[in-house]
Protein backbone atom coordinates (compact mmCIF):
# COMPACT_ATOMS: atom_id res chain seq x y z
CA UNK A 1 -23.63 -3.70 3.88
CA UNK A 2 -24.80 -0.73 5.96
CA UNK A 3 -28.28 0.55 5.22
CA UNK A 4 -29.15 3.94 3.79
CA UNK A 5 -30.91 4.71 7.09
CA UNK A 6 -27.72 4.04 9.07
CA UNK A 7 -25.75 6.43 6.87
CA UNK A 8 -28.48 9.08 7.29
CA UNK A 9 -28.60 8.61 11.07
CA UNK A 10 -24.83 8.94 11.51
CA UNK A 11 -24.60 12.00 9.25
CA UNK A 12 -27.53 13.72 10.99
CA UNK A 13 -26.06 13.07 14.44
CA UNK A 14 -22.70 14.58 13.52
CA UNK A 15 -24.30 17.57 11.79
CA UNK A 16 -26.37 18.31 14.92
CA UNK A 17 -23.08 18.68 16.77
CA UNK A 18 -21.51 21.02 14.23
CA UNK A 19 -19.54 18.52 12.17
CA UNK A 20 -19.36 18.76 8.37
CA UNK A 21 -19.12 15.65 6.20
CA UNK A 22 -15.90 16.03 4.17
CA UNK A 23 -15.09 12.60 2.74
CA UNK A 24 -16.67 9.21 2.36
CA UNK A 25 -14.73 5.94 2.28
CA UNK A 26 -17.01 3.54 0.53
CA UNK A 27 -16.89 -0.04 -0.67
CA UNK A 28 -17.84 -0.51 -4.34
CA UNK A 29 -20.95 -2.56 -3.44
CA UNK A 30 -22.16 0.16 -1.09
CA UNK A 31 -21.49 2.86 -3.68
CA UNK A 32 -23.61 0.99 -6.23
CA UNK A 33 -26.40 0.54 -3.67
CA UNK A 34 -26.46 4.21 -2.64
CA UNK A 35 -25.50 5.91 -5.93
CA UNK A 36 -28.88 7.60 -6.39
CA UNK A 37 -29.46 8.52 -2.74
CA UNK A 38 -27.92 12.00 -3.01
CA UNK A 39 -26.66 11.48 0.50
CA UNK A 40 -23.12 12.78 0.42
CA UNK A 41 -23.64 16.34 -0.95
CA UNK A 42 -20.28 18.11 -1.17
CA UNK A 43 -18.21 15.28 0.32
CA UNK A 44 -15.65 13.54 -1.87
CA UNK A 45 -16.08 9.79 -2.39
CA UNK A 46 -13.08 7.47 -2.11
CA UNK A 47 -13.12 3.74 -2.81
CA UNK A 48 -12.29 1.82 0.32
CA UNK A 49 -12.21 -1.58 1.97
CA UNK A 50 -14.78 -0.39 4.51
CA UNK A 51 -17.58 2.14 4.79
CA UNK A 52 -16.57 5.13 6.90
CA UNK A 53 -17.31 8.85 7.06
CA UNK A 54 -14.84 11.69 7.58
CA UNK A 55 -16.21 14.68 9.49
CA UNK A 56 -14.45 17.95 10.35
CA UNK A 57 -15.15 21.05 12.44
CA UNK A 58 -13.22 23.92 14.01
CA UNK A 59 -11.64 23.09 17.36
CA UNK A 60 -10.19 25.06 20.27
CA UNK A 61 -7.08 27.14 19.77
CA UNK A 62 -7.49 27.54 16.02
CA UNK A 63 -7.14 23.82 15.44
CA UNK A 64 -9.31 21.70 13.17
CA UNK A 65 -10.83 18.46 14.45
CA UNK A 66 -11.33 15.47 12.15
CA UNK A 67 -13.17 12.29 13.05
CA UNK A 68 -13.34 9.07 11.07
CA UNK A 69 -16.57 7.20 11.89
CA UNK A 70 -17.07 3.59 10.85
CA UNK A 71 -20.52 3.03 9.35
CA UNK A 72 -21.71 0.21 11.61
CA UNK A 73 -24.36 -0.38 14.23
CA UNK A 74 -21.73 -0.31 16.99
CA UNK A 75 -20.16 3.16 17.05
CA UNK A 76 -16.43 3.24 16.42
CA UNK A 77 -14.50 6.38 15.54
CA UNK A 78 -10.97 7.76 15.50
CA UNK A 79 -10.22 11.41 16.24
CA UNK A 80 -7.41 13.85 15.41
CA UNK A 81 -6.96 17.58 15.97
CA UNK A 82 -4.68 19.40 13.55
CA UNK A 83 -2.76 22.55 14.42
CA UNK A 84 -3.34 25.55 12.17
CA UNK A 85 0.29 25.48 10.99
CA UNK A 86 0.24 21.82 9.89
CA UNK A 87 0.53 21.40 6.14
CA UNK A 88 -2.13 19.62 4.13
CA UNK A 89 0.47 16.91 3.39
CA UNK A 90 0.96 16.32 7.13
CA UNK A 91 -2.79 16.22 7.67
CA UNK A 92 -3.30 13.80 4.80
CA UNK A 93 -0.59 11.51 6.14
CA UNK A 94 -2.30 11.45 9.55
CA UNK A 95 -5.72 10.78 7.96
CA UNK A 96 -4.30 7.88 5.92
CA UNK A 97 -2.81 6.41 9.11
CA UNK A 98 -6.21 6.69 10.81
CA UNK A 99 -7.83 4.89 7.88
CA UNK A 100 -5.23 2.15 8.21
CA UNK A 101 -5.94 1.82 11.95
CA UNK A 102 -9.66 1.63 11.28
CA UNK A 103 -9.21 -1.08 8.65
CA UNK A 104 -7.21 -3.11 11.16
CA UNK A 105 -9.85 -2.66 13.87
CA UNK A 106 -12.80 -3.35 11.57
CA UNK A 107 -11.33 -6.46 9.94
CA UNK A 108 -12.68 -9.71 11.28
CA UNK A 109 -10.05 -11.62 13.21
CA UNK A 110 -9.04 -14.60 11.15
CA UNK A 111 -8.57 -17.98 12.72
CA UNK A 112 -5.07 -19.44 12.67
CA UNK A 113 -4.62 -22.08 10.00
CA UNK A 114 -5.31 -25.64 11.04
CA UNK A 115 -2.23 -27.74 11.59
CA UNK A 116 -2.28 -31.13 9.91
CA UNK A 117 -1.70 -33.87 12.46
CA UNK A 118 0.51 -36.74 11.69
């Protein structure tokens, strides 16, 4: 489980670069551990299979940039820029796809099942 300090460090780094924390994907165990930390301010919390932070900021050409950052010692993030005319439904679909990609990347690779010899 990521530490409170790791969450703080990641959030502070993004905020220094103009990003705003919008959403938090959080495992139930992590939520219980951090429930009194007051760390996530205005961000919405969503139960997840991994701990990750959604940040957003204005981007060039009237677009909006979103980045999904895995809460882990080794930085891993996915990025998307949305056009101003994209609907919220289209944006949400893209964000859900990014979450799916991150789950796949963050999941430990399982070993193939052993084959019984005979």
